[in-house]
Amino acid sequence: MKIILGTMNPSKTEELRGYFSGMSEVDPVSPAQMGLRNIEIEESAGSVRGNALLKARIWCRTGHLPAIAEDSGLIFPDLPEDHPDQPGMFVRRFHGQNLSDDEMLKNYIELAERHGGQLRACWQNCWWLLQDENHGICYENHSVVFLLLSRPSPLRHTGWPLDSISYLPGAGKYLVEAEDHGILEDRHDEPGIEAWVRQHVSDLLHGSLPVL
C-alpha cells in the first residue's frame, strides 16, 4: 500500500518516512515521487490539530491515496500566552510574514536576544493518518522543553532552521547535531509516534480507520 508523506519540506519528508521503517507492506511516497509539485496549502484551520487534518485531507484528495500529515506549534512557557513573541502555530508565518529558512533563523535569533539570549521552548505536535478524506485518526503530543538560543550552531537542516538554535541541555547538544528528532519526544507520551503509526497502519491494512 502506498501512503503519501504529506509535506513539501525535505527534512519533514525524511522524518515521516522513518516512521514506516521496516514495514515492508507499506510504500511511503513523497509528493515529488507522485509528480505532485508546487502545491501550496493555506494553513487556515485555526489550530495545530485542524491544520494537520486540513493538510492530510488535501494530500488524500490530490494523490487519491491514504496520507499522513503533521503540524506543530512553538510555545515559550515563560511568556504569557498573549505575548507578541509567542509564535504558537504561526512558527514560519510569524507576525504575518512567510519566512524563508534564513529569515526564520534570523528572526528567532533576534527574539532570543530580546529575552537575554535564551528562552525555554516546547513543540506541540499533531499527526493525522487518513485512509481517505472521511476516515482517519490523530495523535497529539508535546516535546521535551529545550532552550532556544541566540548563539547558533554552524550546522543546518534544510526546512528546519530552528534546529540550529534549539539546544537540549540533557543531551548537551543542539538539535541539528542529533541523529534524529526522536530525542525531542517526551517519553511520558505513550506509545510514541512511531509505535502509534505502526499500530494504525496495521488497522488501515487489515480493516479501516474511524469515521471523522
N, C-alpha and C. Protein backbone atom coordinates (compact mmCIF):
# COMPACT_ATOMS: atom_id res chain seq x y z
N MET A 1 0.84 -1.20 0.00
CA MET A 1 0.00 0.00 0.00
C MET A 1 0.88 1.25 0.00
N LYS A 2 0.57 2.18 -0.88
CA LYS A 2 1.25 3.46 -0.90
C LYS A 2 0.57 4.42 0.07
N ILE A 3 1.36 5.20 0.79
CA ILE A 3 0.88 6.25 1.68
C ILE A 3 1.65 7.52 1.37
N ILE A 4 0.93 8.61 1.13
CA ILE A 4 1.59 9.88 0.82
C ILE A 4 2.13 10.52 2.09
N LEU A 5 3.39 10.94 2.04
CA LEU A 5 4.01 11.72 3.12
C LEU A 5 3.65 13.18 2.86
N GLY A 6 2.70 13.69 3.61
CA GLY A 6 2.06 14.97 3.28
C GLY A 6 2.85 16.21 3.65
N THR A 7 3.94 16.45 2.95
CA THR A 7 4.72 17.65 3.18
C THR A 7 5.62 17.91 1.96
N MET A 8 5.94 19.19 1.74
CA MET A 8 6.92 19.56 0.72
C MET A 8 8.28 19.86 1.34
N ASN A 9 8.36 19.78 2.67
CA ASN A 9 9.59 20.06 3.41
C ASN A 9 10.50 18.82 3.36
N PRO A 10 11.70 18.91 2.78
CA PRO A 10 12.55 17.71 2.63
C PRO A 10 12.95 17.07 3.96
N SER A 11 13.19 17.88 4.98
CA SER A 11 13.55 17.31 6.29
C SER A 11 12.36 16.59 6.91
N LYS A 12 11.18 17.18 6.81
CA LYS A 12 10.00 16.54 7.37
C LYS A 12 9.64 15.29 6.58
N THR A 13 9.88 15.29 5.27
CA THR A 13 9.64 14.10 4.46
C THR A 13 10.43 12.92 4.99
N GLU A 14 11.70 13.14 5.29
CA GLU A 14 12.54 12.05 5.79
C GLU A 14 12.13 11.62 7.19
N GLU A 15 11.69 12.57 8.01
CA GLU A 15 11.20 12.19 9.34
C GLU A 15 9.97 11.30 9.21
N LEU A 16 9.00 11.71 8.40
CA LEU A 16 7.78 10.91 8.22
C LEU A 16 8.11 9.54 7.63
N ARG A 17 9.03 9.51 6.67
CA ARG A 17 9.41 8.24 6.06
C ARG A 17 9.98 7.28 7.11
N GLY A 18 10.72 7.82 8.07
CA GLY A 18 11.33 6.99 9.10
C GLY A 18 10.31 6.28 9.98
N TYR A 19 9.10 6.82 10.10
CA TYR A 19 8.07 6.17 10.91
C TYR A 19 7.66 4.81 10.33
N PHE A 20 7.91 4.61 9.03
CA PHE A 20 7.49 3.38 8.35
C PHE A 20 8.66 2.41 8.15
N SER A 21 9.77 2.68 8.78
CA SER A 21 10.96 1.84 8.61
C SER A 21 10.66 0.39 8.97
N GLY A 22 11.04 -0.52 8.08
CA GLY A 22 10.85 -1.94 8.34
C GLY A 22 9.46 -2.46 8.03
N MET A 23 8.55 -1.60 7.58
CA MET A 23 7.19 -2.03 7.27
C MET A 23 7.12 -2.34 5.77
N SER A 24 7.41 -3.58 5.41
CA SER A 24 7.52 -3.96 4.01
C SER A 24 6.19 -3.88 3.27
N GLU A 25 5.08 -3.92 4.00
CA GLU A 25 3.77 -3.89 3.36
C GLU A 25 3.33 -2.47 2.99
N VAL A 26 4.14 -1.48 3.36
CA VAL A 26 3.79 -0.09 3.11
C VAL A 26 4.88 0.57 2.28
N ASP A 27 4.46 1.39 1.32
CA ASP A 27 5.39 2.15 0.49
C ASP A 27 5.11 3.64 0.69
N PRO A 28 5.84 4.30 1.62
CA PRO A 28 5.61 5.73 1.85
C PRO A 28 6.24 6.54 0.72
N VAL A 29 5.45 7.37 0.07
CA VAL A 29 5.93 8.13 -1.10
C VAL A 29 5.78 9.62 -0.85
N SER A 30 6.74 10.37 -1.33
CA SER A 30 6.68 11.83 -1.21
C SER A 30 5.83 12.40 -2.33
N PRO A 31 5.35 13.64 -2.17
CA PRO A 31 4.62 14.29 -3.27
C PRO A 31 5.44 14.33 -4.56
N ALA A 32 6.76 14.57 -4.44
CA ALA A 32 7.60 14.62 -5.64
C ALA A 32 7.60 13.28 -6.37
N GLN A 33 7.63 12.17 -5.62
CA GLN A 33 7.59 10.85 -6.24
C GLN A 33 6.26 10.61 -6.96
N MET A 34 5.21 11.29 -6.49
CA MET A 34 3.89 11.18 -7.13
C MET A 34 3.72 12.17 -8.28
N GLY A 35 4.76 12.98 -8.52
CA GLY A 35 4.64 14.01 -9.55
C GLY A 35 3.85 15.22 -9.10
N LEU A 36 3.68 15.37 -7.79
CA LEU A 36 2.92 16.49 -7.23
C LEU A 36 3.90 17.55 -6.75
N ARG A 37 3.92 18.69 -7.42
CA ARG A 37 4.88 19.73 -7.11
C ARG A 37 4.19 21.09 -7.01
N ASN A 38 4.86 22.00 -6.30
CA ASN A 38 4.38 23.39 -6.21
C ASN A 38 2.95 23.49 -5.69
N ILE A 39 2.63 22.65 -4.72
CA ILE A 39 1.30 22.69 -4.11
C ILE A 39 1.40 23.51 -2.83
N GLU A 40 0.68 24.60 -2.78
CA GLU A 40 0.65 25.47 -1.62
C GLU A 40 -0.61 25.19 -0.81
N ILE A 41 -0.47 24.94 0.49
CA ILE A 41 -1.62 24.69 1.36
C ILE A 41 -1.73 25.82 2.36
N GLU A 42 -2.83 26.52 2.34
CA GLU A 42 -3.06 27.61 3.29
C GLU A 42 -3.50 27.00 4.62
N GLU A 43 -2.69 27.16 5.64
CA GLU A 43 -2.97 26.58 6.95
C GLU A 43 -3.93 27.50 7.70
N SER A 44 -5.21 27.35 7.41
CA SER A 44 -6.22 28.31 7.86
C SER A 44 -7.20 27.74 8.88
N ALA A 45 -6.89 26.56 9.44
CA ALA A 45 -7.85 25.90 10.31
C ALA A 45 -7.99 26.54 11.69
N GLY A 46 -6.99 27.29 12.12
CA GLY A 46 -7.08 27.97 13.42
C GLY A 46 -6.52 27.20 14.59
N SER A 47 -5.98 26.00 14.34
CA SER A 47 -5.35 25.21 15.41
C SER A 47 -4.35 24.25 14.77
N VAL A 48 -3.42 23.77 15.58
CA VAL A 48 -2.44 22.79 15.11
C VAL A 48 -3.16 21.52 14.64
N ARG A 49 -4.11 21.05 15.44
CA ARG A 49 -4.87 19.84 15.09
C ARG A 49 -5.64 20.04 13.78
N GLY A 50 -6.29 21.19 13.66
CA GLY A 50 -7.07 21.46 12.47
C GLY A 50 -6.21 21.60 11.22
N ASN A 51 -5.05 22.23 11.36
CA ASN A 51 -4.16 22.38 10.21
C ASN A 51 -3.60 21.04 9.75
N ALA A 52 -3.26 20.16 10.70
CA ALA A 52 -2.76 18.84 10.32
C ALA A 52 -3.82 18.06 9.56
N LEU A 53 -5.07 18.13 10.01
CA LEU A 53 -6.16 17.45 9.32
C LEU A 53 -6.39 18.05 7.94
N LEU A 54 -6.37 19.38 7.86
CA LEU A 54 -6.56 20.06 6.57
C LEU A 54 -5.51 19.58 5.57
N LYS A 55 -4.25 19.53 6.00
CA LYS A 55 -3.17 19.11 5.10
C LYS A 55 -3.34 17.66 4.67
N ALA A 56 -3.65 16.77 5.62
CA ALA A 56 -3.82 15.36 5.28
C ALA A 56 -4.96 15.18 4.28
N ARG A 57 -6.05 15.89 4.48
CA ARG A 57 -7.19 15.77 3.55
C ARG A 57 -6.82 16.25 2.15
N ILE A 58 -6.08 17.34 2.06
CA ILE A 58 -5.70 17.84 0.74
C ILE A 58 -4.79 16.85 0.03
N TRP A 59 -3.84 16.24 0.76
CA TRP A 59 -2.96 15.27 0.12
C TRP A 59 -3.71 14.02 -0.29
N CYS A 60 -4.67 13.56 0.51
CA CYS A 60 -5.52 12.43 0.13
C CYS A 60 -6.27 12.74 -1.16
N ARG A 61 -6.87 13.92 -1.21
CA ARG A 61 -7.67 14.32 -2.36
C ARG A 61 -6.81 14.49 -3.61
N THR A 62 -5.63 15.05 -3.43
CA THR A 62 -4.76 15.31 -4.58
C THR A 62 -4.12 14.04 -5.11
N GLY A 63 -3.68 13.17 -4.21
CA GLY A 63 -2.97 11.97 -4.63
C GLY A 63 -3.83 10.73 -4.75
N HIS A 64 -5.10 10.80 -4.27
CA HIS A 64 -6.02 9.65 -4.32
C HIS A 64 -5.43 8.44 -3.60
N LEU A 65 -4.80 8.71 -2.46
CA LEU A 65 -4.19 7.68 -1.64
C LEU A 65 -4.34 8.03 -0.17
N PRO A 66 -4.16 7.06 0.74
CA PRO A 66 -4.03 7.40 2.15
C PRO A 66 -2.86 8.37 2.35
N ALA A 67 -2.91 9.15 3.43
CA ALA A 67 -1.86 10.16 3.65
C ALA A 67 -1.61 10.33 5.14
N ILE A 68 -0.40 10.76 5.45
CA ILE A 68 -0.06 11.18 6.81
C ILE A 68 0.47 12.61 6.72
N ALA A 69 0.02 13.46 7.63
CA ALA A 69 0.48 14.85 7.65
C ALA A 69 0.59 15.31 9.10
N GLU A 70 1.41 16.32 9.31
CA GLU A 70 1.70 16.80 10.67
C GLU A 70 1.72 18.32 10.70
N ASP A 71 1.35 18.87 11.84
CA ASP A 71 1.51 20.31 12.06
C ASP A 71 2.00 20.52 13.48
N SER A 72 2.73 21.61 13.69
CA SER A 72 3.32 21.89 15.00
C SER A 72 3.17 23.35 15.37
N GLY A 73 3.16 23.59 16.66
CA GLY A 73 3.18 24.95 17.18
C GLY A 73 4.31 25.08 18.19
N LEU A 74 4.90 26.26 18.27
CA LEU A 74 6.02 26.51 19.18
C LEU A 74 5.55 27.40 20.32
N ILE A 75 5.78 26.94 21.54
CA ILE A 75 5.33 27.65 22.74
C ILE A 75 6.52 28.00 23.61
N PHE A 76 6.53 29.22 24.14
CA PHE A 76 7.53 29.63 25.13
C PHE A 76 6.86 29.66 26.49
N PRO A 77 7.09 28.65 27.35
CA PRO A 77 6.37 28.52 28.62
C PRO A 77 6.53 29.71 29.56
N ASP A 78 7.63 30.45 29.47
CA ASP A 78 7.88 31.54 30.40
C ASP A 78 7.29 32.87 29.94
N LEU A 79 6.66 32.90 28.78
CA LEU A 79 6.00 34.11 28.28
C LEU A 79 4.48 33.95 28.39
N PRO A 80 3.75 35.04 28.66
CA PRO A 80 2.29 34.96 28.66
C PRO A 80 1.76 34.47 27.32
N GLU A 81 0.59 33.81 27.33
CA GLU A 81 0.02 33.28 26.09
C GLU A 81 -0.21 34.36 25.05
N ASP A 82 -0.52 35.57 25.49
CA ASP A 82 -0.83 36.65 24.54
C ASP A 82 0.38 37.54 24.24
N HIS A 83 1.58 37.10 24.67
CA HIS A 83 2.77 37.91 24.41
C HIS A 83 3.04 37.96 22.90
N PRO A 84 3.42 39.11 22.36
CA PRO A 84 3.66 39.22 20.91
C PRO A 84 4.80 38.34 20.40
N ASP A 85 5.67 37.85 21.28
CA ASP A 85 6.75 36.96 20.85
C ASP A 85 6.36 35.48 20.91
N GLN A 86 5.09 35.18 21.26
CA GLN A 86 4.63 33.80 21.22
C GLN A 86 4.25 33.44 19.79
N PRO A 87 4.97 32.52 19.13
CA PRO A 87 4.60 32.17 17.77
C PRO A 87 3.38 31.27 17.68
N GLY A 88 3.18 30.39 18.67
CA GLY A 88 2.06 29.45 18.58
C GLY A 88 2.17 28.63 17.31
N MET A 89 1.07 28.56 16.56
CA MET A 89 1.09 27.78 15.33
C MET A 89 1.63 28.56 14.14
N PHE A 90 1.97 29.84 14.35
CA PHE A 90 2.49 30.67 13.26
C PHE A 90 4.02 30.73 13.32
N VAL A 91 4.66 29.57 13.29
CA VAL A 91 6.10 29.50 13.51
C VAL A 91 6.86 30.09 12.33
N ARG A 92 6.48 29.72 11.12
CA ARG A 92 7.15 30.25 9.93
C ARG A 92 6.47 31.52 9.43
N ARG A 93 5.19 31.68 9.74
CA ARG A 93 4.44 32.87 9.30
C ARG A 93 4.36 33.88 10.45
N PHE A 94 5.43 33.98 11.19
CA PHE A 94 5.48 34.83 12.39
C PHE A 94 5.22 36.29 12.03
N HIS A 95 4.28 36.92 12.75
CA HIS A 95 3.92 38.32 12.54
C HIS A 95 3.49 38.61 11.10
N GLY A 96 2.83 37.62 10.49
CA GLY A 96 2.24 37.84 9.17
C GLY A 96 3.17 37.66 8.00
N GLN A 97 4.43 37.31 8.23
CA GLN A 97 5.38 37.12 7.14
C GLN A 97 5.66 35.64 6.94
N ASN A 98 5.72 35.21 5.67
CA ASN A 98 6.08 33.84 5.36
C ASN A 98 7.59 33.78 5.17
N LEU A 99 8.30 33.33 6.20
CA LEU A 99 9.75 33.46 6.26
C LEU A 99 10.48 32.32 5.54
N SER A 100 11.56 32.65 4.85
CA SER A 100 12.48 31.64 4.33
C SER A 100 13.26 31.04 5.50
N ASP A 101 14.02 29.99 5.24
CA ASP A 101 14.84 29.39 6.30
C ASP A 101 15.78 30.43 6.92
N ASP A 102 16.48 31.21 6.08
CA ASP A 102 17.43 32.20 6.59
C ASP A 102 16.72 33.30 7.37
N GLU A 103 15.58 33.75 6.86
CA GLU A 103 14.81 34.79 7.56
C GLU A 103 14.27 34.28 8.88
N MET A 104 13.84 33.03 8.88
CA MET A 104 13.30 32.43 10.09
C MET A 104 14.37 32.32 11.17
N LEU A 105 15.56 31.85 10.78
CA LEU A 105 16.65 31.73 11.74
C LEU A 105 17.03 33.09 12.30
N LYS A 106 17.15 34.09 11.44
CA LYS A 106 17.49 35.44 11.89
C LYS A 106 16.42 35.98 12.84
N ASN A 107 15.16 35.77 12.52
CA ASN A 107 14.06 36.26 13.35
C ASN A 107 14.11 35.68 14.75
N TYR A 108 14.33 34.37 14.85
CA TYR A 108 14.30 33.72 16.16
C TYR A 108 15.59 33.95 16.95
N ILE A 109 16.70 34.17 16.27
CA ILE A 109 17.91 34.58 16.99
C ILE A 109 17.68 35.94 17.65
N GLU A 110 17.08 36.86 16.90
CA GLU A 110 16.78 38.18 17.45
C GLU A 110 15.77 38.09 18.58
N LEU A 111 14.80 37.19 18.45
CA LEU A 111 13.81 37.00 19.52
C LEU A 111 14.50 36.51 20.79
N ALA A 112 15.38 35.52 20.66
CA ALA A 112 16.09 35.01 21.84
C ALA A 112 16.95 36.10 22.46
N GLU A 113 17.57 36.93 21.64
CA GLU A 113 18.39 38.04 22.15
C GLU A 113 17.55 39.00 22.97
N ARG A 114 16.31 39.24 22.56
CA ARG A 114 15.43 40.15 23.30
C ARG A 114 15.12 39.63 24.70
N HIS A 115 15.29 38.33 24.89
CA HIS A 115 14.95 37.72 26.18
C HIS A 115 16.19 37.18 26.89
N GLY A 116 17.30 37.89 26.71
CA GLY A 116 18.50 37.56 27.45
C GLY A 116 19.37 36.48 26.84
N GLY A 117 19.13 36.12 25.59
CA GLY A 117 19.98 35.15 24.91
C GLY A 117 19.44 33.74 24.89
N GLN A 118 18.36 33.48 25.62
CA GLN A 118 17.77 32.15 25.58
C GLN A 118 16.33 32.18 26.09
N LEU A 119 15.53 31.24 25.60
CA LEU A 119 14.15 31.08 26.04
C LEU A 119 13.83 29.59 26.14
N ARG A 120 13.14 29.20 27.20
CA ARG A 120 12.64 27.82 27.24
C ARG A 120 11.54 27.68 26.19
N ALA A 121 11.55 26.55 25.48
CA ALA A 121 10.61 26.35 24.39
C ALA A 121 10.10 24.91 24.38
N CYS A 122 8.96 24.72 23.72
CA CYS A 122 8.34 23.39 23.64
C CYS A 122 7.51 23.33 22.36
N TRP A 123 7.59 22.21 21.65
CA TRP A 123 6.76 21.99 20.47
C TRP A 123 5.48 21.27 20.83
N GLN A 124 4.36 21.72 20.28
CA GLN A 124 3.08 21.00 20.36
C GLN A 124 2.82 20.43 18.97
N ASN A 125 2.57 19.13 18.88
CA ASN A 125 2.52 18.44 17.60
C ASN A 125 1.23 17.66 17.41
N CYS A 126 0.79 17.55 16.17
CA CYS A 126 -0.35 16.69 15.84
C CYS A 126 -0.12 16.03 14.49
N TRP A 127 -0.38 14.75 14.43
CA TRP A 127 -0.31 13.98 13.18
C TRP A 127 -1.68 13.41 12.87
N TRP A 128 -2.07 13.43 11.60
CA TRP A 128 -3.26 12.73 11.14
C TRP A 128 -2.86 11.68 10.12
N LEU A 129 -3.35 10.46 10.33
CA LEU A 129 -3.23 9.38 9.35
C LEU A 129 -4.62 9.17 8.77
N LEU A 130 -4.77 9.42 7.47
CA LEU A 130 -6.08 9.30 6.83
C LEU A 130 -6.11 8.15 5.84
N GLN A 131 -7.18 7.39 5.90
CA GLN A 131 -7.45 6.37 4.89
C GLN A 131 -8.00 7.04 3.63
N ASP A 132 -8.87 8.03 3.84
CA ASP A 132 -9.41 8.88 2.80
C ASP A 132 -9.85 10.16 3.50
N GLU A 133 -10.55 11.04 2.82
CA GLU A 133 -10.89 12.33 3.42
C GLU A 133 -11.84 12.22 4.61
N ASN A 134 -12.52 11.09 4.76
CA ASN A 134 -13.53 10.96 5.80
C ASN A 134 -13.24 9.89 6.84
N HIS A 135 -12.08 9.23 6.75
CA HIS A 135 -11.71 8.20 7.71
C HIS A 135 -10.26 8.40 8.14
N GLY A 136 -10.04 8.46 9.44
CA GLY A 136 -8.68 8.65 9.91
C GLY A 136 -8.60 8.75 11.42
N ILE A 137 -7.39 8.99 11.89
CA ILE A 137 -7.13 9.04 13.32
C ILE A 137 -5.95 9.97 13.57
N CYS A 138 -5.94 10.61 14.74
CA CYS A 138 -4.86 11.56 15.01
C CYS A 138 -4.11 11.20 16.29
N TYR A 139 -2.91 11.74 16.36
CA TYR A 139 -2.03 11.56 17.52
C TYR A 139 -1.47 12.92 17.88
N GLU A 140 -1.54 13.29 19.15
CA GLU A 140 -1.02 14.58 19.60
C GLU A 140 -0.03 14.36 20.73
N ASN A 141 1.04 15.14 20.73
CA ASN A 141 1.97 15.11 21.85
C ASN A 141 2.68 16.46 21.97
N HIS A 142 3.57 16.54 22.91
CA HIS A 142 4.40 17.73 23.04
C HIS A 142 5.83 17.27 23.27
N SER A 143 6.76 18.12 22.91
CA SER A 143 8.17 17.76 23.05
C SER A 143 8.65 18.00 24.48
N VAL A 144 9.85 17.53 24.75
CA VAL A 144 10.52 17.95 25.97
C VAL A 144 10.80 19.45 25.87
N VAL A 145 10.99 20.09 26.99
CA VAL A 145 11.36 21.50 26.99
C VAL A 145 12.84 21.63 26.65
N PHE A 146 13.15 22.55 25.75
CA PHE A 146 14.53 22.79 25.35
C PHE A 146 14.80 24.29 25.39
N LEU A 147 16.00 24.70 25.04
CA LEU A 147 16.36 26.11 25.04
C LEU A 147 16.51 26.63 23.61
N LEU A 148 15.88 27.75 23.33
CA LEU A 148 16.10 28.44 22.07
C LEU A 148 17.16 29.50 22.34
N LEU A 149 18.32 29.36 21.69
CA LEU A 149 19.47 30.21 21.98
C LEU A 149 19.71 31.24 20.88
N SER A 150 20.30 32.36 21.27
CA SER A 150 20.68 33.38 20.29
C SER A 150 21.99 33.04 19.60
N ARG A 151 22.72 32.07 20.11
CA ARG A 151 24.00 31.65 19.54
C ARG A 151 23.80 30.36 18.76
N PRO A 152 23.85 30.40 17.41
CA PRO A 152 23.51 29.22 16.60
C PRO A 152 24.67 28.26 16.41
N SER A 153 24.32 27.02 16.16
CA SER A 153 25.28 26.04 15.65
C SER A 153 25.57 26.39 14.19
N PRO A 154 26.78 26.07 13.69
CA PRO A 154 27.06 26.30 12.27
C PRO A 154 26.36 25.31 11.35
N LEU A 155 25.82 24.23 11.91
CA LEU A 155 25.15 23.22 11.10
C LEU A 155 23.72 23.64 10.77
N ARG A 156 23.17 23.13 9.65
CA ARG A 156 21.82 23.49 9.21
C ARG A 156 21.07 22.25 8.75
N HIS A 157 19.74 22.25 9.00
CA HIS A 157 18.82 21.29 8.43
C HIS A 157 17.89 22.05 7.48
N THR A 158 17.94 21.76 6.19
CA THR A 158 17.05 22.41 5.24
C THR A 158 15.60 22.15 5.63
N GLY A 159 14.82 23.21 5.72
CA GLY A 159 13.42 23.09 6.11
C GLY A 159 13.17 23.20 7.60
N TRP A 160 14.21 23.00 8.41
CA TRP A 160 14.11 23.08 9.87
C TRP A 160 15.20 24.00 10.41
N PRO A 161 15.15 25.28 10.11
CA PRO A 161 16.22 26.18 10.53
C PRO A 161 16.36 26.31 12.04
N LEU A 162 15.26 26.14 12.78
CA LEU A 162 15.34 26.33 14.24
C LEU A 162 16.11 25.22 14.93
N ASP A 163 16.38 24.11 14.24
CA ASP A 163 17.23 23.07 14.82
C ASP A 163 18.62 23.62 15.17
N SER A 164 19.04 24.67 14.46
CA SER A 164 20.38 25.24 14.68
C SER A 164 20.48 26.09 15.94
N ILE A 165 19.33 26.47 16.52
CA ILE A 165 19.37 27.25 17.76
C ILE A 165 18.57 26.57 18.88
N SER A 166 18.15 25.33 18.64
CA SER A 166 17.42 24.55 19.66
C SER A 166 18.43 23.68 20.41
N TYR A 167 18.63 24.00 21.67
CA TYR A 167 19.65 23.33 22.47
C TYR A 167 18.99 22.43 23.51
N LEU A 168 19.45 21.18 23.58
CA LEU A 168 18.91 20.20 24.52
C LEU A 168 19.87 20.03 25.69
N PRO A 169 19.58 20.66 26.84
CA PRO A 169 20.52 20.60 27.98
C PRO A 169 20.83 19.17 28.42
N GLY A 170 19.82 18.30 28.39
CA GLY A 170 20.04 16.93 28.84
C GLY A 170 21.00 16.16 27.96
N ALA A 171 21.01 16.49 26.67
CA ALA A 171 21.89 15.80 25.72
C ALA A 171 23.20 16.56 25.53
N GLY A 172 23.21 17.85 25.90
CA GLY A 172 24.41 18.67 25.72
C GLY A 172 24.72 18.96 24.27
N LYS A 173 23.68 19.10 23.44
CA LYS A 173 23.90 19.35 22.02
C LYS A 173 22.71 20.10 21.42
N TYR A 174 22.97 20.73 20.28
CA TYR A 174 21.90 21.32 19.50
C TYR A 174 21.11 20.21 18.80
N LEU A 175 19.86 20.50 18.51
CA LEU A 175 19.03 19.52 17.83
C LEU A 175 19.59 19.17 16.46
N VAL A 176 20.19 20.13 15.78
CA VAL A 176 20.77 19.88 14.46
C VAL A 176 21.91 18.87 14.53
N GLU A 177 22.49 18.71 15.71
CA GLU A 177 23.59 17.76 15.90
C GLU A 177 23.11 16.36 16.28
N ALA A 178 21.83 16.22 16.59
CA ALA A 178 21.28 14.93 17.00
C ALA A 178 21.02 14.05 15.78
N GLU A 179 21.03 12.75 15.97
CA GLU A 179 20.85 11.83 14.85
C GLU A 179 19.42 11.84 14.33
N ASP A 180 18.44 12.06 15.19
CA ASP A 180 17.06 12.14 14.74
C ASP A 180 16.26 12.96 15.74
N HIS A 181 15.03 13.32 15.33
CA HIS A 181 14.19 14.17 16.17
C HIS A 181 13.54 13.41 17.32
N GLY A 182 13.75 12.09 17.38
CA GLY A 182 13.19 11.33 18.49
C GLY A 182 13.70 11.78 19.84
N ILE A 183 14.85 12.46 19.84
CA ILE A 183 15.43 12.97 21.08
C ILE A 183 14.54 14.03 21.71
N LEU A 184 13.64 14.62 20.91
CA LEU A 184 12.72 15.64 21.42
C LEU A 184 11.49 15.06 22.09
N GLU A 185 11.20 13.77 21.85
CA GLU A 185 9.97 13.20 22.37
C GLU A 185 9.94 13.21 23.89
N ASP A 186 8.79 13.60 24.42
CA ASP A 186 8.54 13.47 25.85
C ASP A 186 8.20 12.02 26.10
N ARG A 187 9.04 11.30 26.79
CA ARG A 187 8.85 9.86 26.95
C ARG A 187 7.64 9.51 27.81
N HIS A 188 6.99 10.51 28.42
CA HIS A 188 5.75 10.24 29.13
C HIS A 188 4.57 10.14 28.17
N ASP A 189 4.76 10.56 26.92
CA ASP A 189 3.72 10.46 25.90
C ASP A 189 3.82 9.09 25.24
N GLU A 190 2.95 8.18 25.67
CA GLU A 190 2.98 6.82 25.12
C GLU A 190 1.84 6.65 24.13
N PRO A 191 1.98 5.83 23.10
CA PRO A 191 3.08 4.89 22.88
C PRO A 191 4.27 5.50 22.14
N GLY A 192 4.22 6.78 21.78
CA GLY A 192 5.25 7.37 20.93
C GLY A 192 4.79 7.33 19.49
N ILE A 193 5.24 8.28 18.70
CA ILE A 193 4.72 8.44 17.35
C ILE A 193 5.00 7.22 16.47
N GLU A 194 6.19 6.64 16.53
CA GLU A 194 6.49 5.52 15.64
C GLU A 194 5.62 4.30 15.98
N ALA A 195 5.44 4.01 17.26
CA ALA A 195 4.59 2.89 17.66
C ALA A 195 3.14 3.15 17.27
N TRP A 196 2.71 4.41 17.40
CA TRP A 196 1.34 4.78 17.01
C TRP A 196 1.14 4.57 15.52
N VAL A 197 2.09 4.99 14.70
CA VAL A 197 1.98 4.81 13.25
C VAL A 197 1.88 3.32 12.92
N ARG A 198 2.74 2.49 13.51
CA ARG A 198 2.71 1.05 13.23
C ARG A 198 1.35 0.44 13.59
N GLN A 199 0.83 0.83 14.74
CA GLN A 199 -0.46 0.28 15.18
C GLN A 199 -1.57 0.61 14.20
N HIS A 200 -1.64 1.86 13.78
CA HIS A 200 -2.80 2.28 12.98
C HIS A 200 -2.61 2.04 11.49
N VAL A 201 -1.38 1.90 11.03
CA VAL A 201 -1.19 1.41 9.67
C VAL A 201 -1.67 -0.03 9.58
N SER A 202 -1.44 -0.81 10.62
CA SER A 202 -1.94 -2.18 10.67
C SER A 202 -3.47 -2.18 10.60
N ASP A 203 -4.11 -1.27 11.34
CA ASP A 203 -5.58 -1.13 11.26
C ASP A 203 -6.01 -0.80 9.85
N LEU A 204 -5.27 0.09 9.20
CA LEU A 204 -5.59 0.51 7.84
C LEU A 204 -5.45 -0.66 6.86
N LEU A 205 -4.42 -1.47 7.03
CA LEU A 205 -4.17 -2.58 6.12
C LEU A 205 -5.18 -3.71 6.29
N HIS A 206 -5.65 -3.89 7.51
CA HIS A 206 -6.50 -5.06 7.81
C HIS A 206 -7.95 -4.71 8.09
N GLY A 207 -8.31 -3.46 7.90
CA GLY A 207 -9.69 -3.05 8.15
C GLY A 207 -9.90 -1.63 7.68
N SER A 208 -10.23 -0.78 8.62
CA SER A 208 -10.43 0.63 8.24
C SER A 208 -10.20 1.50 9.47
N LEU A 209 -10.00 2.77 9.23
CA LEU A 209 -9.82 3.75 10.30
C LEU A 209 -11.18 4.37 10.63
N PRO A 210 -11.33 4.97 11.82
CA PRO A 210 -12.62 5.52 12.23
C PRO A 210 -13.14 6.62 11.32
N VAL A 211 -14.45 6.77 11.30
CA VAL A 211 -15.08 7.89 10.58
C VAL A 211 -14.75 9.17 11.33
N LEU A 212 -14.40 10.22 10.61
CA LEU A 212 -14.07 11.50 11.25
C LEU A 212 -15.34 12.18 11.74
